[in-house]
């Protein structure tokens, strides 16, 4: 269990960063996604053109009405492939200055959203 917890502590910030950095929000907005639509579309884009109902059942801890409202026009505005490309580009842009897992001077750790 200690190994699993240590791995989670090391990797979770790298996973979660894409949900909070302005690079992601900016790129999703450029695709026509606003607010939570960018969040849900970026998380579900790997499923392809997922429905709100699939996202609700997969990401079970969100209010279904919130997901439906955010998802209403997501796939009318863009495609899952474009969202994935935007997500990868935003993650790279945000993480590149960190220099790797041993970096202690990563600018992400001092951003106000932290």
N, C-alpha and C. Protein backbone atom coordinates (compact mmCIF):
# COMPACT_ATOMS: atom_id res chain seq x y z
N UNK A 1 0.81 -1.19 0.00
CA UNK A 1 0.00 0.00 0.00
C UNK A 1 0.86 1.26 0.00
N UNK A 2 1.99 1.22 0.69
CA UNK A 2 2.87 2.38 0.73
C UNK A 2 3.37 2.73 -0.67
N UNK A 3 3.68 1.72 -1.47
CA UNK A 3 4.17 1.96 -2.82
C UNK A 3 3.08 2.60 -3.68
N UNK A 4 1.87 2.09 -3.56
CA UNK A 4 0.75 2.67 -4.33
C UNK A 4 0.51 4.12 -3.92
N UNK A 5 0.55 4.40 -2.64
CA UNK A 5 0.33 5.77 -2.15
C UNK A 5 1.46 6.69 -2.63
N UNK A 6 2.67 6.21 -2.60
CA UNK A 6 3.81 7.02 -3.07
C UNK A 6 3.69 7.31 -4.56
N UNK A 7 3.28 6.31 -5.33
CA UNK A 7 3.10 6.52 -6.77
C UNK A 7 1.98 7.51 -7.03
N UNK A 8 0.90 7.39 -6.30
CA UNK A 8 -0.22 8.33 -6.47
C UNK A 8 0.22 9.75 -6.13
N UNK A 9 0.94 9.93 -5.03
CA UNK A 9 1.40 11.27 -4.64
C UNK A 9 2.30 11.88 -5.71
N UNK A 10 3.09 11.06 -6.37
CA UNK A 10 4.02 11.55 -7.38
C UNK A 10 3.30 11.86 -8.70
N UNK A 11 2.35 11.03 -9.08
CA UNK A 11 1.73 11.14 -10.40
C UNK A 11 0.44 11.95 -10.44
N UNK A 12 -0.30 12.01 -9.36
CA UNK A 12 -1.58 12.72 -9.37
C UNK A 12 -1.45 14.19 -9.78
N UNK A 13 -0.46 14.93 -9.29
CA UNK A 13 -0.34 16.32 -9.74
C UNK A 13 -0.13 16.44 -11.25
N UNK A 14 0.58 15.50 -11.83
CA UNK A 14 0.78 15.53 -13.28
C UNK A 14 -0.51 15.24 -14.02
N UNK A 15 -1.30 14.34 -13.48
CA UNK A 15 -2.60 14.02 -14.08
C UNK A 15 -3.57 15.19 -13.94
N UNK A 16 -3.66 15.74 -12.75
CA UNK A 16 -4.69 16.74 -12.44
C UNK A 16 -4.40 18.12 -13.00
N UNK A 17 -3.16 18.38 -13.35
CA UNK A 17 -2.80 19.73 -13.76
C UNK A 17 -3.64 20.23 -14.94
N UNK A 18 -3.97 19.36 -15.86
CA UNK A 18 -4.69 19.79 -17.07
C UNK A 18 -6.08 20.34 -16.74
N UNK A 19 -6.64 19.97 -15.61
CA UNK A 19 -7.97 20.45 -15.25
C UNK A 19 -7.96 21.87 -14.70
N UNK A 20 -6.79 22.39 -14.36
CA UNK A 20 -6.73 23.67 -13.67
C UNK A 20 -5.90 24.75 -14.36
N UNK A 21 -5.05 24.37 -15.28
CA UNK A 21 -4.17 25.37 -15.90
C UNK A 21 -4.92 26.21 -16.93
N UNK A 22 -4.55 27.47 -17.03
CA UNK A 22 -5.22 28.34 -18.02
C UNK A 22 -4.94 27.92 -19.45
N UNK A 23 -3.85 27.21 -19.69
CA UNK A 23 -3.54 26.74 -21.04
C UNK A 23 -4.66 25.86 -21.58
N UNK A 24 -5.20 24.99 -20.73
CA UNK A 24 -6.31 24.13 -21.15
C UNK A 24 -7.56 24.93 -21.44
N UNK A 25 -7.94 25.78 -20.50
CA UNK A 25 -9.16 26.59 -20.71
C UNK A 25 -9.06 27.43 -21.98
N UNK A 26 -7.89 28.00 -22.21
CA UNK A 26 -7.71 28.84 -23.40
C UNK A 26 -7.89 28.01 -24.68
N UNK A 27 -7.28 26.86 -24.72
CA UNK A 27 -7.38 26.02 -25.92
C UNK A 27 -8.80 25.49 -26.14
N UNK A 28 -9.50 25.15 -25.06
CA UNK A 28 -10.88 24.68 -25.20
C UNK A 28 -11.78 25.81 -25.66
N UNK A 29 -11.54 27.00 -25.14
CA UNK A 29 -12.31 28.17 -25.59
C UNK A 29 -12.08 28.42 -27.07
N UNK A 30 -10.84 28.26 -27.51
CA UNK A 30 -10.52 28.44 -28.93
C UNK A 30 -11.30 27.45 -29.81
N UNK A 31 -11.68 26.31 -29.24
CA UNK A 31 -12.46 25.31 -29.98
C UNK A 31 -13.97 25.56 -29.90
N UNK A 32 -14.36 26.59 -29.16
CA UNK A 32 -15.77 26.89 -29.02
C UNK A 32 -16.41 26.30 -27.78
N UNK A 33 -15.60 25.81 -26.86
CA UNK A 33 -16.12 25.23 -25.62
C UNK A 33 -15.93 26.23 -24.49
N UNK A 34 -16.98 26.47 -23.75
CA UNK A 34 -16.87 27.42 -22.66
C UNK A 34 -17.21 26.75 -21.33
N UNK A 35 -16.67 27.32 -20.28
CA UNK A 35 -16.97 26.82 -18.94
C UNK A 35 -16.66 25.35 -18.77
N UNK A 36 -17.62 24.67 -18.18
CA UNK A 36 -17.42 23.25 -17.88
C UNK A 36 -17.46 22.35 -19.11
N UNK A 37 -17.94 22.86 -20.21
CA UNK A 37 -17.96 22.05 -21.44
C UNK A 37 -16.55 21.62 -21.81
N UNK A 38 -15.58 22.50 -21.66
CA UNK A 38 -14.19 22.14 -21.94
C UNK A 38 -13.69 21.05 -21.02
N UNK A 39 -14.03 21.16 -19.76
CA UNK A 39 -13.62 20.15 -18.77
C UNK A 39 -14.18 18.78 -19.13
N UNK A 40 -15.50 18.71 -19.30
CA UNK A 40 -16.12 17.41 -19.57
C UNK A 40 -15.73 16.86 -20.94
N UNK A 41 -15.64 17.72 -21.93
CA UNK A 41 -15.24 17.26 -23.26
C UNK A 41 -13.81 16.76 -23.24
N UNK A 42 -12.93 17.44 -22.52
CA UNK A 42 -11.52 17.00 -22.49
C UNK A 42 -11.36 15.68 -21.75
N UNK A 43 -12.14 15.49 -20.71
CA UNK A 43 -12.07 14.22 -19.98
C UNK A 43 -12.66 13.07 -20.76
N UNK A 44 -13.68 13.34 -21.56
CA UNK A 44 -14.39 12.25 -22.23
C UNK A 44 -14.00 12.07 -23.69
N UNK A 45 -13.18 12.93 -24.24
CA UNK A 45 -12.84 12.87 -25.67
C UNK A 45 -12.23 11.53 -26.07
N UNK A 46 -11.58 10.87 -25.16
CA UNK A 46 -10.99 9.56 -25.47
C UNK A 46 -12.06 8.52 -25.80
N UNK A 47 -13.30 8.76 -25.38
CA UNK A 47 -14.42 7.86 -25.70
C UNK A 47 -14.95 8.08 -27.11
N UNK A 48 -14.49 9.12 -27.77
CA UNK A 48 -15.09 9.50 -29.04
C UNK A 48 -16.22 10.48 -28.76
N UNK A 49 -17.19 10.50 -29.61
CA UNK A 49 -18.31 11.45 -29.47
C UNK A 49 -19.28 10.94 -28.39
N UNK A 50 -18.84 11.01 -27.16
CA UNK A 50 -19.61 10.49 -26.04
C UNK A 50 -20.86 11.32 -25.78
N UNK A 51 -21.88 10.66 -25.32
CA UNK A 51 -23.11 11.36 -24.93
C UNK A 51 -22.98 11.84 -23.49
N UNK A 52 -23.82 12.77 -23.12
CA UNK A 52 -23.86 13.23 -21.73
C UNK A 52 -24.17 12.06 -20.81
N UNK A 53 -25.05 11.16 -21.25
CA UNK A 53 -25.42 10.02 -20.41
C UNK A 53 -24.23 9.09 -20.14
N UNK A 54 -23.38 8.88 -21.14
CA UNK A 54 -22.18 8.07 -20.94
C UNK A 54 -21.25 8.76 -19.95
N UNK A 55 -21.08 10.05 -20.10
CA UNK A 55 -20.20 10.79 -19.19
C UNK A 55 -20.77 10.77 -17.77
N UNK A 56 -22.06 10.92 -17.63
CA UNK A 56 -22.70 10.87 -16.31
C UNK A 56 -22.44 9.52 -15.65
N UNK A 57 -22.60 8.44 -16.39
CA UNK A 57 -22.42 7.11 -15.80
C UNK A 57 -20.95 6.78 -15.56
N UNK A 58 -20.06 7.34 -16.34
CA UNK A 58 -18.64 7.07 -16.17
C UNK A 58 -18.02 7.94 -15.09
N UNK A 59 -18.37 9.22 -15.09
CA UNK A 59 -17.86 10.15 -14.08
C UNK A 59 -18.96 10.33 -13.04
N UNK A 60 -19.24 9.28 -12.33
CA UNK A 60 -20.43 9.14 -11.49
C UNK A 60 -20.58 10.17 -10.36
N UNK A 61 -19.54 10.92 -10.05
CA UNK A 61 -19.63 11.82 -8.89
C UNK A 61 -20.09 13.23 -9.24
N UNK A 62 -20.52 13.47 -10.47
CA UNK A 62 -21.00 14.79 -10.87
C UNK A 62 -22.52 14.81 -10.95
N UNK A 63 -23.09 15.94 -10.65
CA UNK A 63 -24.52 16.14 -10.77
C UNK A 63 -24.90 15.96 -12.24
N UNK A 64 -25.82 15.05 -12.54
CA UNK A 64 -26.20 14.81 -13.94
C UNK A 64 -26.68 16.06 -14.68
N UNK A 65 -27.40 16.93 -13.99
CA UNK A 65 -27.86 18.16 -14.64
C UNK A 65 -26.70 19.05 -15.04
N UNK A 66 -25.67 19.11 -14.21
CA UNK A 66 -24.48 19.89 -14.52
C UNK A 66 -23.79 19.35 -15.77
N UNK A 67 -23.66 18.03 -15.85
CA UNK A 67 -23.03 17.41 -17.01
C UNK A 67 -23.85 17.67 -18.27
N UNK A 68 -25.15 17.46 -18.19
CA UNK A 68 -26.01 17.67 -19.37
C UNK A 68 -25.93 19.12 -19.85
N UNK A 69 -25.98 20.06 -18.92
CA UNK A 69 -25.91 21.47 -19.28
C UNK A 69 -24.58 21.80 -19.95
N UNK A 70 -23.49 21.29 -19.39
CA UNK A 70 -22.17 21.57 -19.94
C UNK A 70 -21.96 20.87 -21.28
N UNK A 71 -22.59 19.73 -21.45
CA UNK A 71 -22.34 18.89 -22.61
C UNK A 71 -23.26 19.17 -23.79
N UNK A 72 -24.31 19.93 -23.57
CA UNK A 72 -25.34 20.12 -24.59
C UNK A 72 -24.78 20.36 -25.98
N UNK A 73 -23.86 21.28 -26.13
CA UNK A 73 -23.39 21.64 -27.47
C UNK A 73 -21.93 21.32 -27.71
N UNK A 74 -21.31 20.57 -26.82
CA UNK A 74 -19.86 20.32 -26.94
C UNK A 74 -19.48 19.74 -28.30
N UNK A 75 -20.16 18.67 -28.72
CA UNK A 75 -19.77 18.01 -29.96
C UNK A 75 -20.35 18.70 -31.19
N UNK A 76 -21.21 19.68 -31.00
CA UNK A 76 -21.62 20.52 -32.12
C UNK A 76 -20.56 21.57 -32.41
N UNK A 77 -19.80 21.95 -31.39
CA UNK A 77 -18.77 22.99 -31.53
C UNK A 77 -17.46 22.45 -32.06
N UNK A 78 -17.13 21.20 -31.74
CA UNK A 78 -15.83 20.65 -32.11
C UNK A 78 -15.90 19.13 -32.16
N UNK A 79 -14.75 18.51 -32.35
CA UNK A 79 -14.69 17.04 -32.41
C UNK A 79 -13.84 16.51 -31.26
N UNK A 80 -14.06 15.26 -30.88
CA UNK A 80 -13.22 14.67 -29.84
C UNK A 80 -11.73 14.71 -30.21
N UNK A 81 -11.40 14.48 -31.46
CA UNK A 81 -9.99 14.51 -31.87
C UNK A 81 -9.37 15.88 -31.64
N UNK A 82 -10.08 16.93 -31.98
CA UNK A 82 -9.56 18.29 -31.77
C UNK A 82 -9.42 18.59 -30.28
N UNK A 83 -10.33 18.08 -29.48
CA UNK A 83 -10.24 18.29 -28.03
C UNK A 83 -9.02 17.56 -27.48
N UNK A 84 -8.81 16.33 -27.92
CA UNK A 84 -7.62 15.59 -27.46
C UNK A 84 -6.34 16.30 -27.86
N UNK A 85 -6.28 16.79 -29.08
CA UNK A 85 -5.10 17.52 -29.52
C UNK A 85 -4.88 18.77 -28.67
N UNK A 86 -5.96 19.48 -28.37
CA UNK A 86 -5.86 20.67 -27.53
C UNK A 86 -5.41 20.31 -26.12
N UNK A 87 -5.94 19.21 -25.60
CA UNK A 87 -5.57 18.77 -24.25
C UNK A 87 -4.08 18.42 -24.18
N UNK A 88 -3.60 17.65 -25.15
CA UNK A 88 -2.19 17.28 -25.16
C UNK A 88 -1.29 18.51 -25.31
N UNK A 89 -1.67 19.42 -26.19
CA UNK A 89 -0.88 20.63 -26.38
C UNK A 89 -0.86 21.48 -25.12
N UNK A 90 -2.00 21.62 -24.47
CA UNK A 90 -2.07 22.41 -23.24
C UNK A 90 -1.26 21.77 -22.13
N UNK A 91 -1.35 20.45 -22.00
CA UNK A 91 -0.57 19.76 -20.97
C UNK A 91 0.93 19.94 -21.23
N UNK A 92 1.33 19.79 -22.47
CA UNK A 92 2.73 19.99 -22.81
C UNK A 92 3.19 21.40 -22.50
N UNK A 93 2.37 22.36 -22.86
CA UNK A 93 2.70 23.77 -22.62
C UNK A 93 2.83 24.05 -21.12
N UNK A 94 1.94 23.49 -20.33
CA UNK A 94 1.95 23.72 -18.89
C UNK A 94 3.08 22.98 -18.19
N UNK A 95 3.38 21.75 -18.64
CA UNK A 95 4.36 20.92 -17.95
C UNK A 95 5.79 21.10 -18.43
N UNK A 96 5.96 21.57 -19.65
CA UNK A 96 7.31 21.69 -20.22
C UNK A 96 8.28 22.45 -19.31
N UNK A 97 7.89 23.56 -18.72
CA UNK A 97 8.83 24.28 -17.85
C UNK A 97 9.24 23.52 -16.60
N UNK A 98 8.54 22.45 -16.28
CA UNK A 98 8.84 21.71 -15.06
C UNK A 98 10.09 20.85 -15.18
N UNK A 99 10.43 20.46 -16.37
CA UNK A 99 11.69 19.76 -16.58
C UNK A 99 11.76 18.32 -16.13
N UNK A 100 10.71 17.75 -15.62
CA UNK A 100 10.73 16.35 -15.23
C UNK A 100 10.29 16.16 -13.80
N UNK A 101 10.18 14.89 -13.39
CA UNK A 101 9.59 14.58 -12.09
C UNK A 101 10.41 15.02 -10.88
N UNK A 102 11.70 15.28 -11.07
CA UNK A 102 12.53 15.67 -9.94
C UNK A 102 12.64 17.18 -9.77
N UNK A 103 12.01 17.93 -10.67
CA UNK A 103 12.11 19.39 -10.63
C UNK A 103 11.47 19.94 -9.37
N UNK A 104 12.15 20.86 -8.73
CA UNK A 104 11.59 21.53 -7.55
C UNK A 104 11.23 22.98 -7.86
N UNK A 105 11.54 23.43 -9.06
CA UNK A 105 11.28 24.82 -9.40
C UNK A 105 10.17 24.95 -10.45
N UNK A 106 9.29 24.00 -10.50
CA UNK A 106 8.22 24.02 -11.47
C UNK A 106 7.30 25.21 -11.21
N UNK A 107 7.06 26.06 -12.22
CA UNK A 107 6.19 27.21 -12.00
C UNK A 107 4.75 26.84 -11.68
N UNK A 108 4.35 25.62 -11.98
CA UNK A 108 2.98 25.21 -11.67
C UNK A 108 2.72 25.20 -10.17
N UNK A 109 3.73 24.93 -9.40
CA UNK A 109 3.54 24.81 -7.96
C UNK A 109 3.32 26.18 -7.30
N UNK A 110 3.57 27.24 -8.02
CA UNK A 110 3.38 28.58 -7.45
C UNK A 110 2.20 29.33 -8.08
N UNK A 111 1.46 28.69 -8.96
CA UNK A 111 0.32 29.36 -9.59
C UNK A 111 -0.80 29.55 -8.57
N UNK A 112 -1.58 30.60 -8.73
CA UNK A 112 -2.63 30.90 -7.76
C UNK A 112 -3.72 29.84 -7.62
N UNK A 113 -3.95 29.02 -8.63
CA UNK A 113 -5.01 28.02 -8.56
C UNK A 113 -4.68 26.88 -7.64
N UNK A 114 -3.42 26.74 -7.27
CA UNK A 114 -2.98 25.60 -6.47
C UNK A 114 -3.61 25.59 -5.11
